[in-house]
């Protein structure tokens, strides 16, 4: 099943994607919760109810006529650094003994086709194609063997990064949490439709040019290891999301660096899951001025 969120009258509503249509779950199954995360929290009963809604044939809209939002808005959005050997090699870093885990803030979450802001204060905007795993059950102290049972589904993300801000300090949170820098989507694919999440080919293009291409079989720390590590210290909730890392080919290590520019179009595609397509847009001076006014008012 492919669970999605679409926008209607300023609201984000849950839906199931079926071919070239969506099924609006608020219409076809009004008793279901109003978010994908809450539907996942119902477990098998939630998915059965969603499937029953699909079978009614009601609430259908053409996929091409709706705007998709991020399938979930995670309360906790984790990123993983240096989780492909090729990326560690291009960065001239040794693979780490334990996963390199950082946080991405909620303000970074963006729609699958949302614009990505090139900030006024930096020209070092970079891309990172990543498979994201979405938690489906509240869990803590999950072993690697138990980890598949807590997965709600898989989606695509691009960990857009402001490199100079990432490198300002030894921790990366600010450089990884820029507004708009964490698109998710286009939908969440449930585990029954993903035979092996550790064997998914993917690629990233900038204006049609292939920049990254690999397979999740190259992950250093498996998805199960990441869930086990993170859940040891933090209770994971339905909708929480882990971006699992990226491969070689990021713009920072081109010679000269191939930073993203205003007007570039970045496509991030994982076979069997879906694709993001994001346009880079320069941050507008007026937006920065409004932000400064808001900050002064709050102070």
C-alpha atoms as a PDB file:
ATOM      1  CA  UNK A   1       0.000   0.000   0.000  1.00  0.00           C
ATOM      2  CA  UNK A   2       1.090   3.540  -0.731  1.00  0.00           C
ATOM      3  CA  UNK A   3      -0.024   6.005   1.924  1.00  0.00           C
ATOM      4  CA  UNK A   4       0.169   9.688   1.099  1.00  0.00           C
ATOM      5  CA  UNK A   5      -0.900  13.114   2.215  1.00  0.00           C
ATOM      6  CA  UNK A   6      -2.523  15.594  -0.120  1.00  0.00           C
ATOM      7  CA  UNK A   7      -3.434  19.237   0.289  1.00  0.00           C
ATOM      8  CA  UNK A   8      -7.021  20.462   0.256  1.00  0.00           C
ATOM      9  CA  UNK A   9      -8.114  23.939   1.357  1.00  0.00           C
ATOM     10  CA  UNK A  10      -4.901  24.398   3.314  1.00  0.00           C
ATOM     11  CA  UNK A  11      -5.222  21.069   5.140  1.00  0.00           C
ATOM     12  CA  UNK A  12      -3.077  17.950   4.795  1.00  0.00           C
ATOM     13  CA  UNK A  13      -5.318  14.896   4.418  1.00  0.00           C
ATOM     14  CA  UNK A  14      -4.424  11.178   4.359  1.00  0.00           C
ATOM     15  CA  UNK A  15      -4.882   9.170   1.196  1.00  0.00           C
ATOM     16  CA  UNK A  16      -4.002   5.901  -0.500  1.00  0.00           C
ATOM     17  CA  UNK A  17      -2.367   6.056  -3.927  1.00  0.00           C
ATOM     18  CA  UNK A  18      -3.813   3.542  -6.389  1.00  0.00           C
ATOM     19  CA  UNK A  19      -2.334   3.758  -9.855  1.00  0.00           C
ATOM     20  CA  UNK A  20      -2.954   7.243 -11.198  1.00  0.00           C
ATOM     21  CA  UNK A  21      -5.544   8.064  -8.535  1.00  0.00           C
ATOM     22  CA  UNK A  22      -5.704   8.755  -4.837  1.00  0.00           C
ATOM     23  CA  UNK A  23      -8.393   7.614  -2.443  1.00  0.00           C
ATOM     24  CA  UNK A  24      -9.260  10.362   0.044  1.00  0.00           C
ATOM     25  CA  UNK A  25      -9.500   8.472   3.329  1.00  0.00           C
ATOM     26  CA  UNK A  26     -11.441  11.226   5.061  1.00  0.00           C
ATOM     27  CA  UNK A  27     -14.205  10.646   2.517  1.00  0.00           C
ATOM     28  CA  UNK A  28     -13.955   6.878   2.050  1.00  0.00           C
ATOM     29  CA  UNK A  29     -13.175   6.014   5.692  1.00  0.00           C
ATOM     30  CA  UNK A  30     -14.197   8.970   7.889  1.00  0.00           C
ATOM     31  CA  UNK A  31     -13.623   6.974  11.084  1.00  0.00           C
ATOM     32  CA  UNK A  32      -9.898   6.681  10.389  1.00  0.00           C
ATOM     33  CA  UNK A  33      -7.536   9.221  11.977  1.00  0.00           C
ATOM     34  CA  UNK A  34      -6.631  12.334  10.015  1.00  0.00           C
ATOM     35  CA  UNK A  35      -2.886  11.643   9.617  1.00  0.00           C
ATOM     36  CA  UNK A  36      -0.831   8.824   8.124  1.00  0.00           C
ATOM     37  CA  UNK A  37       1.180   8.563  11.348  1.00  0.00           C
ATOM     38  CA  UNK A  38      -1.988   7.965  13.368  1.00  0.00           C
ATOM     39  CA  UNK A  39      -3.188   5.364  10.864  1.00  0.00           C
ATOM     40  CA  UNK A  40       0.143   3.554  11.205  1.00  0.00           C
ATOM     41  CA  UNK A  41      -0.300   3.613  14.983  1.00  0.00           C
ATOM     42  CA  UNK A  42      -3.432   1.478  14.580  1.00  0.00           C
ATOM     43  CA  UNK A  43      -1.272  -1.324  13.202  1.00  0.00           C
ATOM     44  CA  UNK A  44      -2.822  -3.967  10.967  1.00  0.00           C
ATOM     45  CA  UNK A  45      -6.339  -2.758  11.752  1.00  0.00           C
ATOM     46  CA  UNK A  46      -5.531   0.689  10.370  1.00  0.00           C
ATOM     47  CA  UNK A  47      -4.126  -0.741   7.148  1.00  0.00           C
ATOM     48  CA  UNK A  48      -7.084  -3.097   6.772  1.00  0.00           C
ATOM     49  CA  UNK A  49      -9.468  -0.161   7.168  1.00  0.00           C
ATOM     50  CA  UNK A  50      -7.526   1.821   4.586  1.00  0.00           C
ATOM     51  CA  UNK A  51      -7.698  -1.107   2.163  1.00  0.00           C
ATOM     52  CA  UNK A  52     -11.428  -1.436   2.785  1.00  0.00           C
ATOM     53  CA  UNK A  53     -11.762   2.254   1.934  1.00  0.00           C
ATOM     54  CA  UNK A  54      -9.951   1.660  -1.347  1.00  0.00           C
ATOM     55  CA  UNK A  55     -12.300  -1.215  -2.143  1.00  0.00           C
ATOM     56  CA  UNK A  56     -15.398   0.993  -1.785  1.00  0.00           C
ATOM     57  CA  UNK A  57     -14.405   2.940  -4.902  1.00  0.00           C
ATOM     58  CA  UNK A  58     -15.385   6.245  -3.289  1.00  0.00           C
ATOM     59  CA  UNK A  59     -13.341   9.359  -2.569  1.00  0.00           C
ATOM     60  CA  UNK A  60     -11.208   9.036  -5.682  1.00  0.00           C
ATOM     61  CA  UNK A  61      -9.305  11.920  -7.267  1.00  0.00           C
ATOM     62  CA  UNK A  62      -6.818  12.013 -10.117  1.00  0.00           C
ATOM     63  CA  UNK A  63      -3.279  11.980  -8.749  1.00  0.00           C
ATOM     64  CA  UNK A  64      -2.206  14.516 -11.369  1.00  0.00           C
ATOM     65  CA  UNK A  65      -4.784  16.997 -10.080  1.00  0.00           C
ATOM     66  CA  UNK A  66      -3.705  17.062  -6.430  1.00  0.00           C
ATOM     67  CA  UNK A  67      -0.675  18.427  -4.619  1.00  0.00           C
ATOM     68  CA  UNK A  68       1.072  15.934  -2.378  1.00  0.00           C
ATOM     69  CA  UNK A  69       2.519  16.887   0.987  1.00  0.00           C
ATOM     70  CA  UNK A  70       5.080  14.936   3.009  1.00  0.00           C
ATOM     71  CA  UNK A  71       3.487  11.570   3.876  1.00  0.00           C
ATOM     72  CA  UNK A  72       4.385  12.042   7.556  1.00  0.00           C
ATOM     73  CA  UNK A  73       5.507  14.943   9.720  1.00  0.00           C
ATOM     74  CA  UNK A  74       7.813  13.142  12.127  1.00  0.00           C
ATOM     75  CA  UNK A  75       8.183  14.357  15.678  1.00  0.00           C
ATOM     76  CA  UNK A  76      11.711  12.911  15.503  1.00  0.00           C
ATOM     77  CA  UNK A  77      13.641  13.088  12.225  1.00  0.00           C
ATOM     78  CA  UNK A  78      17.074  11.451  12.383  1.00  0.00           C
ATOM     79  CA  UNK A  79      19.889  11.539   9.857  1.00  0.00           C
ATOM     80  CA  UNK A  80      22.835   9.199   9.488  1.00  0.00           C
ATOM     81  CA  UNK A  81      26.262  10.356   8.367  1.00  0.00           C
ATOM     82  CA  UNK A  82      28.907   8.442   6.398  1.00  0.00           C
ATOM     83  CA  UNK A  83      26.796   5.290   6.024  1.00  0.00           C
ATOM     84  CA  UNK A  84      28.102   4.321   2.567  1.00  0.00           C
ATOM     85  CA  UNK A  85      31.764   3.426   2.163  1.00  0.00           C
ATOM     86  CA  UNK A  86      31.956   5.332  -1.134  1.00  0.00           C
ATOM     87  CA  UNK A  87      30.833   8.525   0.598  1.00  0.00           C
ATOM     88  CA  UNK A  88      33.233   8.013   3.501  1.00  0.00           C
ATOM     89  CA  UNK A  89      36.029   7.500   0.961  1.00  0.00           C
ATOM     90  CA  UNK A  90      35.255  10.653  -1.015  1.00  0.00           C
ATOM     91  CA  UNK A  91      35.176  12.593   2.273  1.00  0.00           C
ATOM     92  CA  UNK A  92      38.517  10.983   3.237  1.00  0.00           C
ATOM     93  CA  UNK A  93      36.966   9.702   6.454  1.00  0.00           C
ATOM     94  CA  UNK A  94      37.304   6.286   8.035  1.00  0.00           C
ATOM     95  CA  UNK A  95      34.034   4.398   8.591  1.00  0.00           C
ATOM     96  CA  UNK A  96      32.943   4.829  12.180  1.00  0.00           C
ATOM     97  CA  UNK A  97      32.560   2.053  14.749  1.00  0.00           C
ATOM     98  CA  UNK A  98      29.029   3.204  15.568  1.00  0.00           C
ATOM     99  CA  UNK A  99      26.464   5.036  13.420  1.00  0.00           C
ATOM    100  CA  UNK A 100      26.917   8.797  13.165  1.00  0.00           C
ATOM    101  CA  UNK A 101      23.467  10.039  14.191  1.00  0.00           C
ATOM    102  CA  UNK A 102      22.221  13.614  14.031  1.00  0.00           C
ATOM    103  CA  UNK A 103      18.875  15.376  14.243  1.00  0.00           C
ATOM    104  CA  UNK A 104      16.971  17.199  11.540  1.00  0.00           C
ATOM    105  CA  UNK A 105      14.459  19.694  12.902  1.00  0.00           C
ATOM    106  CA  UNK A 106      10.765  19.810  12.007  1.00  0.00           C
ATOM    107  CA  UNK A 107      11.177  23.093  10.099  1.00  0.00           C
ATOM    108  CA  UNK A 108      13.183  21.227   7.457  1.00  0.00           C
ATOM    109  CA  UNK A 109      10.294  18.940   6.454  1.00  0.00           C
ATOM    110  CA  UNK A 110       9.089  19.678   2.948  1.00  0.00           C
ATOM    111  CA  UNK A 111       6.736  18.274   0.320  1.00  0.00           C
ATOM    112  CA  UNK A 112       8.027  15.840  -2.321  1.00  0.00           C
ATOM    113  CA  UNK A 113       7.900  18.527  -5.000  1.00  0.00           C
ATOM    114  CA  UNK A 114       8.537  21.479  -2.702  1.00  0.00           C
ATOM    115  CA  UNK A 115      11.018  24.203  -3.581  1.00  0.00           C
ATOM    116  CA  UNK A 116      14.351  24.126  -1.727  1.00  0.00           C
ATOM    117  CA  UNK A 117      15.666  27.493  -0.563  1.00  0.00           C
ATOM    118  CA  UNK A 118      19.187  28.548  -1.495  1.00  0.00           C
ATOM    119  CA  UNK A 119      19.940  30.750   1.532  1.00  0.00           C
ATOM    120  CA  UNK A 120      21.116  34.324   1.385  1.00  0.00           C
ATOM    121  CA  UNK A 121      24.026  33.576   3.712  1.00  0.00           C
ATOM    122  CA  UNK A 122      25.595  30.664   1.800  1.00  0.00           C
ATOM    123  CA  UNK A 123      26.156  29.369  -1.712  1.00  0.00           C
ATOM    124  CA  UNK A 124      27.154  25.885  -0.480  1.00  0.00           C
ATOM    125  CA  UNK A 125      23.831  24.086  -0.902  1.00  0.00           C
ATOM    126  CA  UNK A 126      24.408  20.360  -1.494  1.00  0.00           C
ATOM    127  CA  UNK A 127      22.262  17.261  -2.051  1.00  0.00           C
ATOM    128  CA  UNK A 128      22.191  13.757  -0.511  1.00  0.00           C
ATOM    129  CA  UNK A 129      19.881  11.051  -1.889  1.00  0.00           C
ATOM    130  CA  UNK A 130      18.621   8.849   0.955  1.00  0.00           C
ATOM    131  CA  UNK A 131      16.144   6.082   1.683  1.00  0.00           C
ATOM    132  CA  UNK A 132      14.028   6.956   4.720  1.00  0.00           C
ATOM    133  CA  UNK A 133      12.471   4.393   7.044  1.00  0.00           C
ATOM    134  CA  UNK A 134       9.301   5.394   8.901  1.00  0.00           C
ATOM    135  CA  UNK A 135       8.457   3.843  12.268  1.00  0.00           C
ATOM    136  CA  UNK A 136       5.016   2.254  12.573  1.00  0.00           C
ATOM    137  CA  UNK A 137       4.854   1.259  16.258  1.00  0.00           C
ATOM    138  CA  UNK A 138       5.846   2.845  19.538  1.00  0.00           C
ATOM    139  CA  UNK A 139       8.995   1.026  20.567  1.00  0.00           C
ATOM    140  CA  UNK A 140      12.083   1.138  22.778  1.00  0.00           C
ATOM    141  CA  UNK A 141      15.144  -1.119  23.111  1.00  0.00           C
ATOM    142  CA  UNK A 142      14.451  -2.811  19.800  1.00  0.00           C
ATOM    143  CA  UNK A 143      16.956  -5.487  18.776  1.00  0.00           C
ATOM    144  CA  UNK A 144      18.115  -5.755  15.143  1.00  0.00           C
ATOM    145  CA  UNK A 145      16.108  -8.978  14.889  1.00  0.00           C
ATOM    146  CA  UNK A 146      12.951  -7.208  16.094  1.00  0.00           C
ATOM    147  CA  UNK A 147      13.458  -4.093  13.983  1.00  0.00           C
ATOM    148  CA  UNK A 148      11.516  -5.202  10.861  1.00  0.00           C
ATOM    149  CA  UNK A 149       8.380  -5.573  12.998  1.00  0.00           C
ATOM    150  CA  UNK A 150       8.342  -1.866  13.972  1.00  0.00           C
ATOM    151  CA  UNK A 151       8.677  -0.444  10.460  1.00  0.00           C
ATOM    152  CA  UNK A 152       5.625   1.341   9.085  1.00  0.00           C
ATOM    153  CA  UNK A 153       7.068   1.895   5.630  1.00  0.00           C
ATOM    154  CA  UNK A 154       9.681   3.463   3.408  1.00  0.00           C
ATOM    155  CA  UNK A 155       9.889   6.762   1.613  1.00  0.00           C
ATOM    156  CA  UNK A 156      12.429   8.949  -0.172  1.00  0.00           C
ATOM    157  CA  UNK A 157      14.268  11.924   1.229  1.00  0.00           C
ATOM    158  CA  UNK A 158      17.029  14.272   0.153  1.00  0.00           C
ATOM    159  CA  UNK A 159      19.164  15.534   3.004  1.00  0.00           C
ATOM    160  CA  UNK A 160      19.848  18.958   1.474  1.00  0.00           C
ATOM    161  CA  UNK A 161      22.758  20.420   3.414  1.00  0.00           C
ATOM    162  CA  UNK A 162      24.343  23.847   3.818  1.00  0.00           C
ATOM    163  CA  UNK A 163      27.957  22.669   3.922  1.00  0.00           C
ATOM    164  CA  UNK A 164      29.696  25.700   5.431  1.00  0.00           C
ATOM    165  CA  UNK A 165      27.122  25.827   8.228  1.00  0.00           C
ATOM    166  CA  UNK A 166      27.447  22.065   8.725  1.00  0.00           C
ATOM    167  CA  UNK A 167      31.195  22.489   9.209  1.00  0.00           C
ATOM    168  CA  UNK A 168      31.017  25.440  11.590  1.00  0.00           C
ATOM    169  CA  UNK A 169      31.017  23.103  14.585  1.00  0.00           C
ATOM    170  CA  UNK A 170      31.603  19.434  15.353  1.00  0.00           C
ATOM    171  CA  UNK A 171      27.873  18.720  15.353  1.00  0.00           C
ATOM    172  CA  UNK A 172      25.829  19.138  12.176  1.00  0.00           C
ATOM    173  CA  UNK A 173      22.290  20.005  13.287  1.00  0.00           C
ATOM    174  CA  UNK A 174      22.068  23.556  11.959  1.00  0.00           C
ATOM    175  CA  UNK A 175      23.594  22.767   8.572  1.00  0.00           C
ATOM    176  CA  UNK A 176      21.158  19.866   8.207  1.00  0.00           C
ATOM    177  CA  UNK A 177      18.018  21.633   9.427  1.00  0.00           C
ATOM    178  CA  UNK A 178      17.616  24.596   7.098  1.00  0.00           C
ATOM    179  CA  UNK A 179      14.015  25.528   6.306  1.00  0.00           C
ATOM    180  CA  UNK A 180      12.680  23.386   3.399  1.00  0.00           C
ATOM    181  CA  UNK A 181      15.793  21.158   3.335  1.00  0.00           C
ATOM    182  CA  UNK A 182      14.122  17.815   4.176  1.00  0.00           C
ATOM    183  CA  UNK A 183      11.604  16.814   1.484  1.00  0.00           C
ATOM    184  CA  UNK A 184       9.823  13.506   2.070  1.00  0.00           C
ATOM    185  CA  UNK A 185       7.712  11.444  -0.287  1.00  0.00           C
ATOM    186  CA  UNK A 186       6.116  11.141  -2.651  1.00  0.00           C
ATOM    187  CA  UNK A 187       4.350   8.587  -0.460  1.00  0.00           C
ATOM    188  CA  UNK A 188       5.054   5.911   2.130  1.00  0.00           C
ATOM    189  CA  UNK A 189       5.311   2.350   0.816  1.00  0.00           C
ATOM    190  CA  UNK A 190       4.332  -0.286   3.377  1.00  0.00           C
ATOM    191  CA  UNK A 191       6.793  -3.137   4.062  1.00  0.00           C
ATOM    192  CA  UNK A 192       4.695  -5.781   2.292  1.00  0.00           C
ATOM    193  CA  UNK A 193       5.510  -4.029  -0.998  1.00  0.00           C
ATOM    194  CA  UNK A 194       9.265  -3.784  -0.302  1.00  0.00           C
ATOM    195  CA  UNK A 195      10.735  -7.298  -0.594  1.00  0.00           C
ATOM    196  CA  UNK A 196      14.207  -6.226   0.581  1.00  0.00           C
ATOM    197  CA  UNK A 197      14.917  -2.664   1.745  1.00  0.00           C
ATOM    198  CA  UNK A 198      18.616  -3.531   1.594  1.00  0.00           C
ATOM    199  CA  UNK A 199      18.497  -4.058  -2.172  1.00  0.00           C
ATOM    200  CA  UNK A 200      17.020  -0.914  -3.688  1.00  0.00           C
ATOM    201  CA  UNK A 201      18.757   0.837  -6.556  1.00  0.00           C
ATOM    202  CA  UNK A 202      18.676   4.627  -6.518  1.00  0.00           C
ATOM    203  CA  UNK A 203      20.009   7.646  -8.348  1.00  0.00           C
ATOM    204  CA  UNK A 204      20.033  11.428  -8.156  1.00  0.00           C
ATOM    205  CA  UNK A 205      20.174  13.838 -11.065  1.00  0.00           C
ATOM    206  CA  UNK A 206      20.722  17.593 -11.261  1.00  0.00           C
ATOM    207  CA  UNK A 207      19.153  19.082 -14.392  1.00  0.00           C
ATOM    208  CA  UNK A 208      19.128  15.560 -15.859  1.00  0.00           C
ATOM    209  CA  UNK A 209      22.804  14.839 -15.133  1.00  0.00           C
ATOM    210  CA  UNK A 210      23.397  11.769 -12.945  1.00  0.00           C
ATOM    211  CA  UNK A 211      25.345  12.797  -9.842  1.00  0.00           C
ATOM    212  CA  UNK A 212      24.679   9.863  -7.487  1.00  0.00           C
ATOM    213  CA  UNK A 213      23.905   6.209  -8.237  1.00  0.00           C
ATOM    214  CA  UNK A 214      24.090   3.240  -5.882  1.00  0.00           C
ATOM    215  CA  UNK A 215      22.090   0.565  -4.065  1.00  0.00           C
ATOM    216  CA  UNK A 216      21.003   0.278  -0.429  1.00  0.00           C
ATOM    217  CA  UNK A 217      22.920  -3.002  -0.317  1.00  0.00           C
ATOM    218  CA  UNK A 218      25.955  -0.739   0.186  1.00  0.00           C
ATOM    219  CA  UNK A 219      24.767   0.558   3.573  1.00  0.00           C
ATOM    220  CA  UNK A 220      27.455   0.175   6.245  1.00  0.00           C
ATOM    221  CA  UNK A 221      24.944   0.061   9.117  1.00  0.00           C
ATOM    222  CA  UNK A 222      21.733  -1.711   8.133  1.00  0.00           C
ATOM    223  CA  UNK A 223      18.297  -0.251   8.684  1.00  0.00           C
ATOM    224  CA  UNK A 224      17.806  -2.790  11.477  1.00  0.00           C
ATOM    225  CA  UNK A 225      21.050  -1.731  13.170  1.00  0.00           C
ATOM    226  CA  UNK A 226      20.023   1.935  12.968  1.00  0.00           C
ATOM    227  CA  UNK A 227      16.621   1.285  14.554  1.00  0.00           C
ATOM    228  CA  UNK A 228      18.267  -0.742  17.316  1.00  0.00           C
ATOM    229  CA  UNK A 229      20.855   1.947  18.043  1.00  0.00           C
ATOM    230  CA  UNK A 230      18.425   4.869  18.080  1.00  0.00           C
ATOM    231  CA  UNK A 231      15.681   3.075  20.023  1.00  0.00           C
ATOM    232  CA  UNK A 232      18.139   2.237  22.786  1.00  0.00           C
ATOM    233  CA  UNK A 233      18.171   5.863  23.853  1.00  0.00           C
ATOM    234  CA  UNK A 234      14.869   7.187  22.558  1.00  0.00           C
ATOM    235  CA  UNK A 235      11.325   5.877  22.421  1.00  0.00           C
ATOM    236  CA  UNK A 236      10.314   5.831  18.767  1.00  0.00           C
ATOM    237  CA  UNK A 237       6.751   6.738  17.807  1.00  0.00           C
ATOM    238  CA  UNK A 238       4.678   6.068  14.678  1.00  0.00           C
ATOM    239  CA  UNK A 239       5.776   8.535  12.006  1.00  0.00           C
ATOM    240  CA  UNK A 240       9.291   9.042  13.364  1.00  0.00           C
ATOM    241  CA  UNK A 241      11.702   8.903  10.449  1.00  0.00           C
ATOM    242  CA  UNK A 242      15.324   7.862   9.918  1.00  0.00           C
ATOM    243  CA  UNK A 243      17.168   9.017   6.796  1.00  0.00           C
ATOM    244  CA  UNK A 244      19.676   6.207   6.291  1.00  0.00           C
ATOM    245  CA  UNK A 245      22.613   7.993   4.652  1.00  0.00           C
ATOM    246  CA  UNK A 246      23.961   8.757   1.196  1.00  0.00           C
ATOM    247  CA  UNK A 247      26.519   7.434  -1.288  1.00  0.00           C
ATOM    248  CA  UNK A 248      29.372   9.099  -3.176  1.00  0.00           C
ATOM    249  CA  UNK A 249      28.754  11.894  -5.641  1.00  0.00           C
ATOM    250  CA  UNK A 250      27.732  14.834  -3.451  1.00  0.00           C
ATOM    251  CA  UNK A 251      28.584  18.241  -4.861  1.00  0.00           C
ATOM    252  CA  UNK A 252      31.068  19.121  -2.114  1.00  0.00           C
ATOM    253  CA  UNK A 253      33.694  16.725  -3.490  1.00  0.00           C
ATOM    254  CA  UNK A 254      33.608  17.739  -7.124  1.00  0.00           C
ATOM    255  CA  UNK A 255      36.620  19.767  -8.252  1.00  0.00           C
ATOM    256  CA  UNK A 256      35.598  22.544  -8.138  1.00  0.00           C
ATOM    257  CA  UNK A 257      32.595  21.889  -5.869  1.00  0.00           C
ATOM    258  CA  UNK A 258      29.306  21.556  -7.746  1.00  0.00           C
ATOM    259  CA  UNK A 259      27.043  23.551  -5.451  1.00  0.00           C
ATOM    260  CA  UNK A 260      23.362  23.798  -6.323  1.00  0.00           C
ATOM    261  CA  UNK A 261      22.230  27.042  -7.948  1.00  0.00           C
ATOM    262  CA  UNK A 262      19.000  28.993  -8.270  1.00  0.00           C
ATOM    263  CA  UNK A 263      16.845  27.243 -10.875  1.00  0.00           C
ATOM    264  CA  UNK A 264      18.464  23.796 -10.637  1.00  0.00           C
ATOM    265  CA  UNK A 265      16.091  20.822 -10.565  1.00  0.00           C
ATOM    266  CA  UNK A 266      17.109  17.855  -8.389  1.00  0.00           C
ATOM    267  CA  UNK A 267      15.447  14.477  -8.892  1.00  0.00           C
ATOM    268  CA  UNK A 268      15.919  11.748  -6.256  1.00  0.00           C
ATOM    269  CA  UNK A 269      14.577   8.322  -7.244  1.00  0.00           C
ATOM    270  CA  UNK A 270      14.496   4.957  -5.448  1.00  0.00           C
ATOM    271  CA  UNK A 271      13.271   1.998  -7.496  1.00  0.00           C
ATOM    272  CA  UNK A 272       9.956   0.627  -6.258  1.00  0.00           C
ATOM    273  CA  UNK A 273       9.517   3.490  -3.801  1.00  0.00           C
ATOM    274  CA  UNK A 274       9.160   6.718  -5.774  1.00  0.00           C
ATOM    275  CA  UNK A 275      10.837   9.980  -6.663  1.00  0.00           C
ATOM    276  CA  UNK A 276      11.213  13.517  -5.384  1.00  0.00           C
ATOM    277  CA  UNK A 277      11.673  16.427  -7.760  1.00  0.00           C
ATOM    278  CA  UNK A 278      12.730  19.690  -6.156  1.00  0.00           C
ATOM    279  CA  UNK A 279      13.582  23.049  -7.678  1.00  0.00           C
ATOM    280  CA  UNK A 280      16.209  25.256  -6.067  1.00  0.00           C
ATOM    281  CA  UNK A 281      15.016  28.832  -5.454  1.00  0.00           C
ATOM    282  CA  UNK A 282      16.966  31.731  -4.031  1.00  0.00           C
ATOM    283  CA  UNK A 283      15.789  32.947  -0.638  1.00  0.00           C
ATOM    284  CA  UNK A 284      14.051  36.262  -1.098  1.00  0.00           C
ATOM    285  CA  UNK A 285      15.411  39.327   0.691  1.00  0.00           C
ATOM    286  CA  UNK A 286      11.900  40.253   1.778  1.00  0.00           C
ATOM    287  CA  UNK A 287      11.502  36.875   3.474  1.00  0.00           C
ATOM    288  CA  UNK A 288      14.688  37.495   5.444  1.00  0.00           C
ATOM    289  CA  UNK A 289      13.475  40.955   6.419  1.00  0.00           C
ATOM    290  CA  UNK A 290      10.145  39.558   7.611  1.00  0.00           C
ATOM    291  CA  UNK A 291      11.988  36.927   9.616  1.00  0.00           C
ATOM    292  CA  UNK A 292      14.121  39.612  11.267  1.00  0.00           C
ATOM    293  CA  UNK A 293      11.031  41.646  12.152  1.00  0.00           C
ATOM    294  CA  UNK A 294       9.373  38.560  13.655  1.00  0.00           C
ATOM    295  CA  UNK A 295      12.461  37.766  15.696  1.00  0.00           C
ATOM    296  CA  UNK A 296      12.656  41.353  17.007  1.00  0.00           C
ATOM    297  CA  UNK A 297       8.981  41.269  17.927  1.00  0.00           C
ATOM    298  CA  UNK A 298       9.420  38.024  19.825  1.00  0.00           C
ATOM    299  CA  UNK A 299      12.440  39.341  21.747  1.00  0.00           C
END
